[in-house]
Every structure is written in structure tokens, then in C-alpha cells.
Amino acid sequence: MKTMTAVEAKNSFGRLLEATHREPVSVTKNNREIAAMFSMEDVRALADDFLAEPLQAEVVAGKLNVVEALMEQLAINKRLAASRNAIAEGRGVVADADYFAGLRNRALARTS
């Protein structure tokens, strides 16, 4: 992966864009990585392998752009990980008939 400083990226933005067509570019500031630039071709390839089918369908339908869909997938994955951790720690909920009956009763109580 090519690396550029933030100053280099700012002063030669066109060169940065050209470099992303060949490979991802890491941008550093004060010797810390602060950003990465990818070609849209690379982003689309990542999306093809990473997005769940419903989000892929929204991209194809034009409801979301690829970057929005990737960010949404990341948020979903974080929620799934948090839920899995809760279950592993015994904080999960058993979704049995009693659970759904309670949900139904609460919903009916709100509409009455």
C-alpha cells in the first residue's frame, strides 16, 4: 500500500487520485494513519464480498450508494456482535411463545 502525508495529498491531490487507481493509499498526519483512499472499483469489489443480499439489492435498485451500504453493513455487524455478546453473557431473551404473547399484549395495550 502506498503512503502519503496529508500535506502531500493536499498539495498533489491529482497524483493521489491517480495513485488510487493502482492501489489503496494510506494518508498519514504526524506519523499516524488518518485515512485511506481506494478506487471505486476496489470499493465495489469489497461491497460484493461484504454486503448482505438485502443491502446489495438496495445498491442495485439505486436506493443506497455503495459507500452508504458499506457503512450500514458495518453498523449492522456491530449490533449483531453486541447481541451475540449479550447472549453469551446470559443477557439474551428466549423468543418463545410466552415472549411473543407478551409483545402482542403490550402492542394491544398501546392501541387500546
PDB file of N, CA and C in Angstrom:
ATOM      1  N   MET A   1       0.853  -1.173   0.000  1.00  0.00           N
ATOM      2  CA  MET A   1       0.000   0.000   0.000  1.00  0.00           C
ATOM      3  C   MET A   1       0.895   1.230   0.000  1.00  0.00           C
ATOM      4  N   LYS A   2       0.581   2.154  -0.875  1.00  0.00           N
ATOM      5  CA  LYS A   2       1.316   3.411  -0.950  1.00  0.00           C
ATOM      6  C   LYS A   2       0.913   4.290   0.239  1.00  0.00           C
ATOM      7  N   THR A   3       1.847   5.099   0.699  1.00  0.00           N
ATOM      8  CA  THR A   3       1.582   6.025   1.806  1.00  0.00           C
ATOM      9  C   THR A   3       1.943   7.440   1.383  1.00  0.00           C
ATOM     10  N   MET A   4       1.087   8.399   1.747  1.00  0.00           N
ATOM     11  CA  MET A   4       1.349   9.821   1.510  1.00  0.00           C
ATOM     12  C   MET A   4       1.044  10.568   2.791  1.00  0.00           C
ATOM     13  N   THR A   5       1.750  11.645   3.007  1.00  0.00           N
ATOM     14  CA  THR A   5       1.402  12.504   4.143  1.00  0.00           C
ATOM     15  C   THR A   5       0.192  13.346   3.753  1.00  0.00           C
ATOM     16  N   ALA A   6      -0.489  13.888   4.735  1.00  0.00           N
ATOM     17  CA  ALA A   6      -1.647  14.736   4.474  1.00  0.00           C
ATOM     18  C   ALA A   6      -1.243  15.950   3.642  1.00  0.00           C
ATOM     19  N   VAL A   7      -0.066  16.495   3.902  1.00  0.00           N
ATOM     20  CA  VAL A   7       0.418  17.658   3.143  1.00  0.00           C
ATOM     21  C   VAL A   7       0.641  17.264   1.684  1.00  0.00           C
ATOM     22  N   GLU A   8       1.277  16.100   1.452  1.00  0.00           N
ATOM     23  CA  GLU A   8       1.479  15.637   0.075  1.00  0.00           C
ATOM     24  C   GLU A   8       0.142  15.424  -0.626  1.00  0.00           C
ATOM     25  N   ALA A   9      -0.803  14.816   0.077  1.00  0.00           N
ATOM     26  CA  ALA A   9      -2.116  14.549  -0.503  1.00  0.00           C
ATOM     27  C   ALA A   9      -2.820  15.851  -0.866  1.00  0.00           C
ATOM     28  N   LYS A  10      -2.704  16.846  -0.006  1.00  0.00           N
ATOM     29  CA  LYS A  10      -3.337  18.145  -0.249  1.00  0.00           C
ATOM     30  C   LYS A  10      -2.677  18.857  -1.419  1.00  0.00           C
ATOM     31  N   ASN A  11      -1.363  18.874  -1.421  1.00  0.00           N
ATOM     32  CA  ASN A  11      -0.633  19.632  -2.443  1.00  0.00           C
ATOM     33  C   ASN A  11      -0.626  18.951  -3.807  1.00  0.00           C
ATOM     34  N   SER A  12      -0.856  17.651  -3.837  1.00  0.00           N
ATOM     35  CA  SER A  12      -0.865  16.940  -5.126  1.00  0.00           C
ATOM     36  C   SER A  12      -2.039  15.968  -5.177  1.00  0.00           C
ATOM     37  N   PHE A  13      -3.232  16.546  -5.052  1.00  0.00           N
ATOM     38  CA  PHE A  13      -4.445  15.743  -4.987  1.00  0.00           C
ATOM     39  C   PHE A  13      -4.636  14.899  -6.243  1.00  0.00           C
ATOM     40  N   GLY A  14      -4.317  15.468  -7.397  1.00  0.00           N
ATOM     41  CA  GLY A  14      -4.441  14.725  -8.649  1.00  0.00           C
ATOM     42  C   GLY A  14      -3.564  13.474  -8.642  1.00  0.00           C
ATOM     43  N   ARG A  15      -2.357  13.598  -8.110  1.00  0.00           N
ATOM     44  CA  ARG A  15      -1.450  12.452  -8.019  1.00  0.00           C
ATOM     45  C   ARG A  15      -2.024  11.403  -7.055  1.00  0.00           C
ATOM     46  N   LEU A  16      -2.643  11.870  -5.976  1.00  0.00           N
ATOM     47  CA  LEU A  16      -3.286  10.957  -5.024  1.00  0.00           C
ATOM     48  C   LEU A  16      -4.396  10.169  -5.727  1.00  0.00           C
ATOM     49  N   LEU A  17      -5.236  10.868  -6.497  1.00  0.00           N
ATOM     50  CA  LEU A  17      -6.319  10.195  -7.207  1.00  0.00           C
ATOM     51  C   LEU A  17      -5.774   9.180  -8.204  1.00  0.00           C
ATOM     52  N   GLU A  18      -4.741   9.550  -8.917  1.00  0.00           N
ATOM     53  CA  GLU A  18      -4.136   8.617  -9.877  1.00  0.00           C
ATOM     54  C   GLU A  18      -3.554   7.400  -9.161  1.00  0.00           C
ATOM     55  N   ALA A  19      -2.936   7.608  -8.017  1.00  0.00           N
ATOM     56  CA  ALA A  19      -2.339   6.502  -7.264  1.00  0.00           C
ATOM     57  C   ALA A  19      -3.399   5.510  -6.810  1.00  0.00           C
ATOM     58  N   THR A  20      -4.606   6.007  -6.482  1.00  0.00           N
ATOM     59  CA  THR A  20      -5.663   5.098  -6.005  1.00  0.00           C
ATOM     60  C   THR A  20      -6.163   4.171  -7.103  1.00  0.00           C
ATOM     61  N   HIS A  21      -5.924   4.534  -8.355  1.00  0.00           N
ATOM     62  CA  HIS A  21      -6.316   3.632  -9.446  1.00  0.00           C
ATOM     63  C   HIS A  21      -5.401   2.415  -9.512  1.00  0.00           C
ATOM     64  N   ARG A  22      -4.210   2.546  -8.979  1.00  0.00           N
ATOM     65  CA  ARG A  22      -3.249   1.433  -8.991  1.00  0.00           C
ATOM     66  C   ARG A  22      -3.309   0.606  -7.721  1.00  0.00           C
ATOM     67  N   GLU A  23      -3.507   1.275  -6.564  1.00  0.00           N
ATOM     68  CA  GLU A  23      -3.513   0.588  -5.277  1.00  0.00           C
ATOM     69  C   GLU A  23      -4.102   1.513  -4.214  1.00  0.00           C
ATOM     70  N   PRO A  24      -4.551   0.965  -3.090  1.00  0.00           N
ATOM     71  CA  PRO A  24      -5.022   1.827  -1.989  1.00  0.00           C
ATOM     72  C   PRO A  24      -3.883   2.715  -1.496  1.00  0.00           C
ATOM     73  N   VAL A  25      -4.247   3.887  -0.999  1.00  0.00           N
ATOM     74  CA  VAL A  25      -3.258   4.838  -0.496  1.00  0.00           C
ATOM     75  C   VAL A  25      -3.597   5.190   0.945  1.00  0.00           C
ATOM     76  N   SER A  26      -2.627   5.044   1.821  1.00  0.00           N
ATOM     77  CA  SER A  26      -2.768   5.419   3.227  1.00  0.00           C
ATOM     78  C   SER A  26      -2.299   6.861   3.373  1.00  0.00           C
ATOM     79  N   VAL A  27      -3.080   7.681   4.074  1.00  0.00           N
ATOM     80  CA  VAL A  27      -2.717   9.079   4.313  1.00  0.00           C
ATOM     81  C   VAL A  27      -2.362   9.228   5.781  1.00  0.00           C
ATOM     82  N   THR A  28      -1.194   9.807   6.038  1.00  0.00           N
ATOM     83  CA  THR A  28      -0.719   9.962   7.412  1.00  0.00           C
ATOM     84  C   THR A  28      -0.609  11.427   7.790  1.00  0.00           C
ATOM     85  N   LYS A  29      -0.715  11.667   9.075  1.00  0.00           N
ATOM     86  CA  LYS A  29      -0.503  13.003   9.635  1.00  0.00           C
ATOM     87  C   LYS A  29       0.192  12.782  10.964  1.00  0.00           C
ATOM     88  N   ASN A  30       1.288  13.466  11.172  1.00  0.00           N
ATOM     89  CA  ASN A  30       2.090  13.296  12.386  1.00  0.00           C
ATOM     90  C   ASN A  30       2.427  11.818  12.623  1.00  0.00           C
ATOM     91  N   ASN A  31       2.798  11.149  11.534  1.00  0.00           N
ATOM     92  CA  ASN A  31       3.200   9.744  11.569  1.00  0.00           C
ATOM     93  C   ASN A  31       2.097   8.782  12.014  1.00  0.00           C
ATOM     94  N   ARG A  32       0.834   9.206  11.927  1.00  0.00           N
ATOM     95  CA  ARG A  32      -0.311   8.333  12.255  1.00  0.00           C
ATOM     96  C   ARG A  32      -1.185   8.190  11.022  1.00  0.00           C
ATOM     97  N   GLU A  33      -1.639   6.972  10.764  1.00  0.00           N
ATOM     98  CA  GLU A  33      -2.575   6.788   9.657  1.00  0.00           C
ATOM     99  C   GLU A  33      -3.905   7.436  10.030  1.00  0.00           C
ATOM    100  N   ILE A  34      -4.381   8.316   9.166  1.00  0.00           N
ATOM    101  CA  ILE A  34      -5.642   9.002   9.459  1.00  0.00           C
ATOM    102  C   ILE A  34      -6.726   8.716   8.430  1.00  0.00           C
ATOM    103  N   ALA A  35      -6.317   8.232   7.257  1.00  0.00           N
ATOM    104  CA  ALA A  35      -7.304   7.962   6.210  1.00  0.00           C
ATOM    105  C   ALA A  35      -6.729   6.959   5.221  1.00  0.00           C
ATOM    106  N   ALA A  36      -7.632   6.426   4.423  1.00  0.00           N
ATOM    107  CA  ALA A  36      -7.230   5.553   3.330  1.00  0.00           C
ATOM    108  C   ALA A  36      -8.071   5.923   2.121  1.00  0.00           C
ATOM    109  N   MET A  37      -7.446   5.932   0.983  1.00  0.00           N
ATOM    110  CA  MET A  37      -8.143   6.233  -0.273  1.00  0.00           C
ATOM    111  C   MET A  37      -8.143   4.965  -1.117  1.00  0.00           C
ATOM    112  N   PHE A  38      -9.326   4.633  -1.658  1.00  0.00           N
ATOM    113  CA  PHE A  38      -9.489   3.464  -2.502  1.00  0.00           C
ATOM    114  C   PHE A  38     -10.159   3.891  -3.793  1.00  0.00           C
ATOM    115  N   SER A  39      -9.900   3.178  -4.862  1.00  0.00           N
ATOM    116  CA  SER A  39     -10.637   3.416  -6.092  1.00  0.00           C
ATOM    117  C   SER A  39     -12.061   2.905  -5.886  1.00  0.00           C
ATOM    118  N   MET A  40     -13.008   3.444  -6.632  1.00  0.00           N
ATOM    119  CA  MET A  40     -14.387   2.955  -6.526  1.00  0.00           C
ATOM    120  C   MET A  40     -14.467   1.514  -7.012  1.00  0.00           C
ATOM    121  N   GLU A  41     -13.595   1.121  -7.902  1.00  0.00           N
ATOM    122  CA  GLU A  41     -13.548  -0.282  -8.335  1.00  0.00           C
ATOM    123  C   GLU A  41     -13.228  -1.187  -7.148  1.00  0.00           C
ATOM    124  N   ASP A  42     -12.255  -0.775  -6.320  1.00  0.00           N
ATOM    125  CA  ASP A  42     -11.918  -1.547  -5.121  1.00  0.00           C
ATOM    126  C   ASP A  42     -13.069  -1.554  -4.126  1.00  0.00           C
ATOM    127  N   VAL A  43     -13.740  -0.419  -3.975  1.00  0.00           N
ATOM    128  CA  VAL A  43     -14.864  -0.324  -3.037  1.00  0.00           C
ATOM    129  C   VAL A  43     -16.008  -1.231  -3.494  1.00  0.00           C
ATOM    130  N   ARG A  44     -16.283  -1.246  -4.792  1.00  0.00           N
ATOM    131  CA  ARG A  44     -17.349  -2.119  -5.312  1.00  0.00           C
ATOM    132  C   ARG A  44     -16.995  -3.599  -5.113  1.00  0.00           C
ATOM    133  N   ALA A  45     -15.729  -3.947  -5.316  1.00  0.00           N
ATOM    134  CA  ALA A  45     -15.300  -5.333  -5.103  1.00  0.00           C
ATOM    135  C   ALA A  45     -15.464  -5.721  -3.635  1.00  0.00           C
ATOM    136  N   LEU A  46     -15.110  -4.805  -2.742  1.00  0.00           N
ATOM    137  CA  LEU A  46     -15.289  -5.052  -1.310  1.00  0.00           C
ATOM    138  C   LEU A  46     -16.770  -5.238  -0.990  1.00  0.00           C
ATOM    139  N   ALA A  47     -17.607  -4.383  -1.561  1.00  0.00           N
ATOM    140  CA  ALA A  47     -19.053  -4.465  -1.310  1.00  0.00           C
ATOM    141  C   ALA A  47     -19.612  -5.793  -1.803  1.00  0.00           C
ATOM    142  N   ASP A  48     -19.147  -6.259  -2.954  1.00  0.00           N
ATOM    143  CA  ASP A  48     -19.642  -7.535  -3.485  1.00  0.00           C
ATOM    144  C   ASP A  48     -19.386  -8.680  -2.515  1.00  0.00           C
ATOM    145  N   ASP A  49     -18.266  -8.635  -1.813  1.00  0.00           N
ATOM    146  CA  ASP A  49     -17.913  -9.708  -0.882  1.00  0.00           C
ATOM    147  C   ASP A  49     -18.442  -9.490   0.530  1.00  0.00           C
ATOM    148  N   PHE A  50     -18.783  -8.261   0.889  1.00  0.00           N
ATOM    149  CA  PHE A  50     -19.072  -7.918   2.281  1.00  0.00           C
ATOM    150  C   PHE A  50     -20.549  -7.678   2.558  1.00  0.00           C
ATOM    151  N   LEU A  51     -21.278  -7.144   1.594  1.00  0.00           N
ATOM    152  CA  LEU A  51     -22.670  -6.755   1.845  1.00  0.00           C
ATOM    153  C   LEU A  51     -23.608  -7.950   1.869  1.00  0.00           C
ATOM    154  N   ALA A  52     -24.549  -7.909   2.795  1.00  0.00           N
ATOM    155  CA  ALA A  52     -25.627  -8.891   2.824  1.00  0.00           C
ATOM    156  C   ALA A  52     -26.521  -8.655   1.602  1.00  0.00           C
ATOM    157  N   GLU A  53     -27.203  -9.694   1.176  1.00  0.00           N
ATOM    158  CA  GLU A  53     -28.011  -9.601  -0.042  1.00  0.00           C
ATOM    159  C   GLU A  53     -29.041  -8.464  -0.035  1.00  0.00           C
ATOM    160  N   PRO A  54     -29.743  -8.207   1.086  1.00  0.00           N
ATOM    161  CA  PRO A  54     -30.709  -7.093   1.058  1.00  0.00           C
ATOM    162  C   PRO A  54     -30.040  -5.744   0.773  1.00  0.00           C
ATOM    163  N   LEU A  55     -28.850  -5.522   1.313  1.00  0.00           N
ATOM    164  CA  LEU A  55     -28.162  -4.266   1.043  1.00  0.00           C
ATOM    165  C   LEU A  55     -27.632  -4.237  -0.385  1.00  0.00           C
ATOM    166  N   GLN A  56     -27.170  -5.361  -0.898  1.00  0.00           N
ATOM    167  CA  GLN A  56     -26.743  -5.411  -2.299  1.00  0.00           C
ATOM    168  C   GLN A  56     -27.910  -5.052  -3.212  1.00  0.00           C
ATOM    169  N   ALA A  57     -29.095  -5.561  -2.876  1.00  0.00           N
ATOM    170  CA  ALA A  57     -30.283  -5.268  -3.678  1.00  0.00           C
ATOM    171  C   ALA A  57     -30.620  -3.780  -3.644  1.00  0.00           C
ATOM    172  N   GLU A  58     -30.439  -3.134  -2.491  1.00  0.00           N
ATOM    173  CA  GLU A  58     -30.710  -1.692  -2.398  1.00  0.00           C
ATOM    174  C   GLU A  58     -29.725  -0.890  -3.230  1.00  0.00           C
ATOM    175  N   VAL A  59     -28.472  -1.361  -3.313  1.00  0.00           N
ATOM    176  CA  VAL A  59     -27.482  -0.688  -4.158  1.00  0.00           C
ATOM    177  C   VAL A  59     -27.875  -0.839  -5.624  1.00  0.00           C
ATOM    178  N   VAL A  60     -28.238  -2.051  -6.025  1.00  0.00           N
ATOM    179  CA  VAL A  60     -28.633  -2.306  -7.413  1.00  0.00           C
ATOM    180  C   VAL A  60     -29.856  -1.475  -7.783  1.00  0.00           C
ATOM    181  N   ALA A  61     -30.805  -1.342  -6.848  1.00  0.00           N
ATOM    182  CA  ALA A  61     -32.032  -0.576  -7.096  1.00  0.00           C
ATOM    183  C   ALA A  61     -31.801   0.933  -7.045  1.00  0.00           C
ATOM    184  N   GLY A  62     -30.608   1.359  -6.627  1.00  0.00           N
ATOM    185  CA  GLY A  62     -30.305   2.783  -6.553  1.00  0.00           C
ATOM    186  C   GLY A  62     -30.816   3.462  -5.297  1.00  0.00           C
ATOM    187  N   LYS A  63     -31.261   2.682  -4.307  1.00  0.00           N
ATOM    188  CA  LYS A  63     -31.754   3.259  -3.059  1.00  0.00           C
ATOM    189  C   LYS A  63     -30.609   3.700  -2.150  1.00  0.00           C
ATOM    190  N   LEU A  64     -29.464   3.027  -2.252  1.00  0.00           N
ATOM    191  CA  LEU A  64     -28.264   3.376  -1.485  1.00  0.00           C
ATOM    192  C   LEU A  64     -27.069   3.374  -2.428  1.00  0.00           C
ATOM    193  N   ASN A  65     -26.094   4.256  -2.162  1.00  0.00           N
ATOM    194  CA  ASN A  65     -24.855   4.118  -2.919  1.00  0.00           C
ATOM    195  C   ASN A  65     -23.967   3.118  -2.185  1.00  0.00           C
ATOM    196  N   VAL A  66     -22.913   2.691  -2.837  1.00  0.00           N
ATOM    197  CA  VAL A  66     -22.078   1.617  -2.300  1.00  0.00           C
ATOM    198  C   VAL A  66     -21.494   1.975  -0.939  1.00  0.00           C
ATOM    199  N   VAL A  67     -21.024   3.196  -0.780  1.00  0.00           N
ATOM    200  CA  VAL A  67     -20.393   3.590   0.489  1.00  0.00           C
ATOM    201  C   VAL A  67     -21.434   3.629   1.606  1.00  0.00           C
ATOM    202  N   GLU A  68     -22.628   4.157   1.330  1.00  0.00           N
ATOM    203  CA  GLU A  68     -23.695   4.152   2.335  1.00  0.00           C
ATOM    204  C   GLU A  68     -24.040   2.726   2.757  1.00  0.00           C
ATOM    205  N   ALA A  69     -24.111   1.830   1.784  1.00  0.00           N
ATOM    206  CA  ALA A  69     -24.436   0.440   2.088  1.00  0.00           C
ATOM    207  C   ALA A  69     -23.352  -0.208   2.938  1.00  0.00           C
ATOM    208  N   LEU A  70     -22.090   0.069   2.629  1.00  0.00           N
ATOM    209  CA  LEU A  70     -20.998  -0.484   3.434  1.00  0.00           C
ATOM    210  C   LEU A  70     -21.059   0.032   4.865  1.00  0.00           C
ATOM    211  N   MET A  71     -21.341   1.312   5.046  1.00  0.00           N
ATOM    212  CA  MET A  71     -21.433   1.879   6.393  1.00  0.00           C
ATOM    213  C   MET A  71     -22.618   1.273   7.142  1.00  0.00           C
ATOM    214  N   GLU A  72     -23.726   1.048   6.430  1.00  0.00           N
ATOM    215  CA  GLU A  72     -24.887   0.412   7.065  1.00  0.00           C
ATOM    216  C   GLU A  72     -24.553  -1.023   7.478  1.00  0.00           C
ATOM    217  N   GLN A  73     -23.825  -1.745   6.616  1.00  0.00           N
ATOM    218  CA  GLN A  73     -23.437  -3.116   6.946  1.00  0.00           C
ATOM    219  C   GLN A  73     -22.541  -3.144   8.181  1.00  0.00           C
ATOM    220  N   LEU A  74     -21.627  -2.179   8.287  1.00  0.00           N
ATOM    221  CA  LEU A  74     -20.781  -2.101   9.483  1.00  0.00           C
ATOM    222  C   LEU A  74     -21.610  -1.899  10.738  1.00  0.00           C
ATOM    223  N   ALA A  75     -22.609  -1.024  10.660  1.00  0.00           N
ATOM    224  CA  ALA A  75     -23.481  -0.778  11.824  1.00  0.00           C
ATOM    225  C   ALA A  75     -24.256  -2.044  12.186  1.00  0.00           C
ATOM    226  N   ILE A  76     -24.762  -2.747  11.183  1.00  0.00           N
ATOM    227  CA  ILE A  76     -25.487  -3.999  11.439  1.00  0.00           C
ATOM    228  C   ILE A  76     -24.565  -5.007  12.104  1.00  0.00           C
ATOM    229  N   ASN A  77     -23.342  -5.133  11.579  1.00  0.00           N
ATOM    230  CA  ASN A  77     -22.392  -6.096  12.151  1.00  0.00           C
ATOM    231  C   ASN A  77     -22.064  -5.765  13.606  1.00  0.00           C
ATOM    232  N   LYS A  78     -21.969  -4.475  13.936  1.00  0.00           N
ATOM    233  CA  LYS A  78     -21.701  -4.081  15.328  1.00  0.00           C
ATOM    234  C   LYS A  78     -22.868  -4.466  16.231  1.00  0.00           C
ATOM    235  N   ARG A  79     -24.108  -4.233  15.757  1.00  0.00           N
ATOM    236  CA  ARG A  79     -25.278  -4.610  16.550  1.00  0.00           C
ATOM    237  C   ARG A  79     -25.344  -6.118  16.744  1.00  0.00           C
ATOM    238  N   LEU A  80     -25.036  -6.872  15.699  1.00  0.00           N
ATOM    239  CA  LEU A  80     -25.024  -8.333  15.813  1.00  0.00           C
ATOM    240  C   LEU A  80     -23.978  -8.797  16.818  1.00  0.00           C
ATOM    241  N   ALA A  81     -22.791  -8.205  16.776  1.00  0.00           N
ATOM    242  CA  ALA A  81     -21.735  -8.589  17.718  1.00  0.00           C
ATOM    243  C   ALA A  81     -22.156  -8.281  19.149  1.00  0.00           C
ATOM    244  N   ALA A  82     -22.776  -7.108  19.365  1.00  0.00           N
ATOM    245  CA  ALA A  82     -23.235  -6.749  20.710  1.00  0.00           C
ATOM    246  C   ALA A  82     -24.313  -7.727  21.188  1.00  0.00           C
ATOM    247  N   SER A  83     -25.209  -8.114  20.304  1.00  0.00           N
ATOM    248  CA  SER A  83     -26.263  -9.071  20.674  1.00  0.00           C
ATOM    249  C   SER A  83     -25.676 -10.434  20.996  1.00  0.00           C
ATOM    250  N   ARG A  84     -24.720 -10.870  20.192  1.00  0.00           N
ATOM    251  CA  ARG A  84     -24.077 -12.161  20.457  1.00  0.00           C
ATOM    252  C   ARG A  84     -23.357 -12.146  21.802  1.00  0.00           C
ATOM    253  N   ASN A  85     -22.700 -11.025  22.109  1.00  0.00           N
ATOM    254  CA  ASN A  85     -22.026 -10.902  23.415  1.00  0.00           C
ATOM    255  C   ASN A  85     -23.032 -10.954  24.554  1.00  0.00           C
ATOM    256  N   ALA A  86     -24.160 -10.276  24.392  1.00  0.00           N
ATOM    257  CA  ALA A  86     -25.193 -10.287  25.428  1.00  0.00           C
ATOM    258  C   ALA A  86     -25.704 -11.701  25.661  1.00  0.00           C
ATOM    259  N   ILE A  87     -25.924 -12.428  24.578  1.00  0.00           N
ATOM    260  CA  ILE A  87     -26.395 -13.806  24.709  1.00  0.00           C
ATOM    261  C   ILE A  87     -25.346 -14.659  25.404  1.00  0.00           C
ATOM    262  N   ALA A  88     -24.095 -14.493  25.021  1.00  0.00           N
ATOM    263  CA  ALA A  88     -23.004 -15.274  25.623  1.00  0.00           C
ATOM    264  C   ALA A  88     -22.873 -14.986  27.116  1.00  0.00           C
ATOM    265  N   GLU A  89     -23.229 -13.762  27.525  1.00  0.00           N
ATOM    266  CA  GLU A  89     -23.144 -13.370  28.934  1.00  0.00           C
ATOM    267  C   GLU A  89     -24.440 -13.667  29.687  1.00  0.00           C
ATOM    268  N   GLY A  90     -25.367 -14.311  29.029  1.00  0.00           N
ATOM    269  CA  GLY A  90     -26.620 -14.669  29.691  1.00  0.00           C
ATOM    270  C   GLY A  90     -27.639 -13.552  29.733  1.00  0.00           C
ATOM    271  N   ARG A  91     -27.456 -12.513  28.949  1.00  0.00           N
ATOM    272  CA  ARG A  91     -28.397 -11.395  28.938  1.00  0.00           C
ATOM    273  C   ARG A  91     -29.351 -11.460  27.748  1.00  0.00           C
ATOM    274  N   GLY A  92     -29.422 -12.595  27.103  1.00  0.00           N
ATOM    275  CA  GLY A  92     -30.303 -12.758  25.952  1.00  0.00           C
ATOM    276  C   GLY A  92     -31.740 -12.986  26.379  1.00  0.00           C
ATOM    277  N   VAL A  93     -32.631 -12.940  25.417  1.00  0.00           N
ATOM    278  CA  VAL A  93     -34.051 -13.172  25.653  1.00  0.00           C
ATOM    279  C   VAL A  93     -34.455 -14.418  24.883  1.00  0.00           C
ATOM    280  N   VAL A  94     -35.186 -15.311  25.518  1.00  0.00           N
ATOM    281  CA  VAL A  94     -35.676 -16.510  24.853  1.00  0.00           C
ATOM    282  C   VAL A  94     -36.928 -16.122  24.080  1.00  0.00           C
ATOM    283  N   ALA A  95     -36.898 -16.285  22.772  1.00  0.00           N
ATOM    284  CA  ALA A  95     -38.031 -15.906  21.919  1.00  0.00           C
ATOM    285  C   ALA A  95     -38.965 -17.099  21.765  1.00  0.00           C
ATOM    286  N   ASP A  96     -39.715 -17.372  22.825  1.00  0.00           N
ATOM    287  CA  ASP A  96     -40.655 -18.483  22.791  1.00  0.00           C
ATOM    288  C   ASP A  96     -42.080 -17.931  22.713  1.00  0.00           C
ATOM    289  N   ALA A  97     -43.059 -18.795  22.832  1.00  0.00           N
ATOM    290  CA  ALA A  97     -44.461 -18.384  22.717  1.00  0.00           C
ATOM    291  C   ALA A  97     -44.832 -17.346  23.779  1.00  0.00           C
ATOM    292  N   ASP A  98     -44.318 -17.517  24.998  1.00  0.00           N
ATOM    293  CA  ASP A  98     -44.614 -16.546  26.066  1.00  0.00           C
ATOM    294  C   ASP A  98     -44.064 -15.159  25.727  1.00  0.00           C
ATOM    295  N   TYR A  99     -42.877 -15.124  25.170  1.00  0.00           N
ATOM    296  CA  TYR A  99     -42.249 -13.851  24.793  1.00  0.00           C
ATOM    297  C   TYR A  99     -43.122 -13.128  23.763  1.00  0.00           C
ATOM    298  N   PHE A 100     -43.544 -13.861  22.718  1.00  0.00           N
ATOM    299  CA  PHE A 100     -44.346 -13.232  21.672  1.00  0.00           C
ATOM    300  C   PHE A 100     -45.738 -12.859  22.167  1.00  0.00           C
ATOM    301  N   ALA A 101     -46.281 -13.627  23.096  1.00  0.00           N
ATOM    302  CA  ALA A 101     -47.581 -13.273  23.686  1.00  0.00           C
ATOM    303  C   ALA A 101     -47.448 -11.965  24.464  1.00  0.00           C
ATOM    304  N   GLY A 102     -46.353 -11.807  25.188  1.00  0.00           N
ATOM    305  CA  GLY A 102     -46.118 -10.558  25.916  1.00  0.00           C
ATOM    306  C   GLY A 102     -45.987  -9.373  24.976  1.00  0.00           C
ATOM    307  N   LEU A 103     -45.277  -9.552  23.867  1.00  0.00           N
ATOM    308  CA  LEU A 103     -45.156  -8.476  22.873  1.00  0.00           C
ATOM    309  C   LEU A 103     -46.525  -8.099  22.314  1.00  0.00           C
ATOM    310  N   ARG A 104     -47.309  -9.112  21.978  1.00  0.00           N
ATOM    311  CA  ARG A 104     -48.632  -8.874  21.421  1.00  0.00           C
ATOM    312  C   ARG A 104     -49.506  -8.121  22.423  1.00  0.00           C
ATOM    313  N   ASN A 105     -49.468  -8.524  23.695  1.00  0.00           N
ATOM    314  CA  ASN A 105     -50.284  -7.863  24.719  1.00  0.00           C
ATOM    315  C   ASN A 105     -49.860  -6.412  24.912  1.00  0.00           C
ATOM    316  N   ARG A 106     -48.558  -6.154  24.903  1.00  0.00           N
ATOM    317  CA  ARG A 106     -48.094  -4.761  25.039  1.00  0.00           C
ATOM    318  C   ARG A 106     -48.535  -3.917  23.852  1.00  0.00           C
ATOM    319  N   ALA A 107     -48.443  -4.486  22.646  1.00  0.00           N
ATOM    320  CA  ALA A 107     -48.859  -3.746  21.455  1.00  0.00           C
ATOM    321  C   ALA A 107     -50.370  -3.458  21.502  1.00  0.00           C
ATOM    322  N   LEU A 108     -51.140  -4.437  21.917  1.00  0.00           N
ATOM    323  CA  LEU A 108     -52.596  -4.240  22.010  1.00  0.00           C
ATOM    324  C   LEU A 108     -52.930  -3.217  23.076  1.00  0.00           C
ATOM    325  N   ALA A 109     -52.197  -3.205  24.177  1.00  0.00           N
ATOM    326  CA  ALA A 109     -52.461  -2.247  25.253  1.00  0.00           C
ATOM    327  C   ALA A 109     -52.184  -0.823  24.772  1.00  0.00           C
ATOM    328  N   ARG A 110     -51.200  -0.644  23.905  1.00  0.00           N
ATOM    329  CA  ARG A 110     -50.876   0.700  23.387  1.00  0.00           C
ATOM    330  C   ARG A 110     -51.918   1.195  22.403  1.00  0.00           C
ATOM    331  N   THR A 111     -52.535   0.295  21.659  1.00  0.00           N
ATOM    332  CA  THR A 111     -53.503   0.703  20.641  1.00  0.00           C
ATOM    333  C   THR A 111     -54.910   0.839  21.212  1.00  0.00           C
ATOM    334  N   SER A 112     -55.140   0.332  22.424  1.00  0.00           N
ATOM    335  CA  SER A 112     -56.485   0.386  23.016  1.00  0.00           C
ATOM    336  C   SER A 112     -56.707   1.687  23.736  1.00  0.00           C
TER     337      SER A 112
END
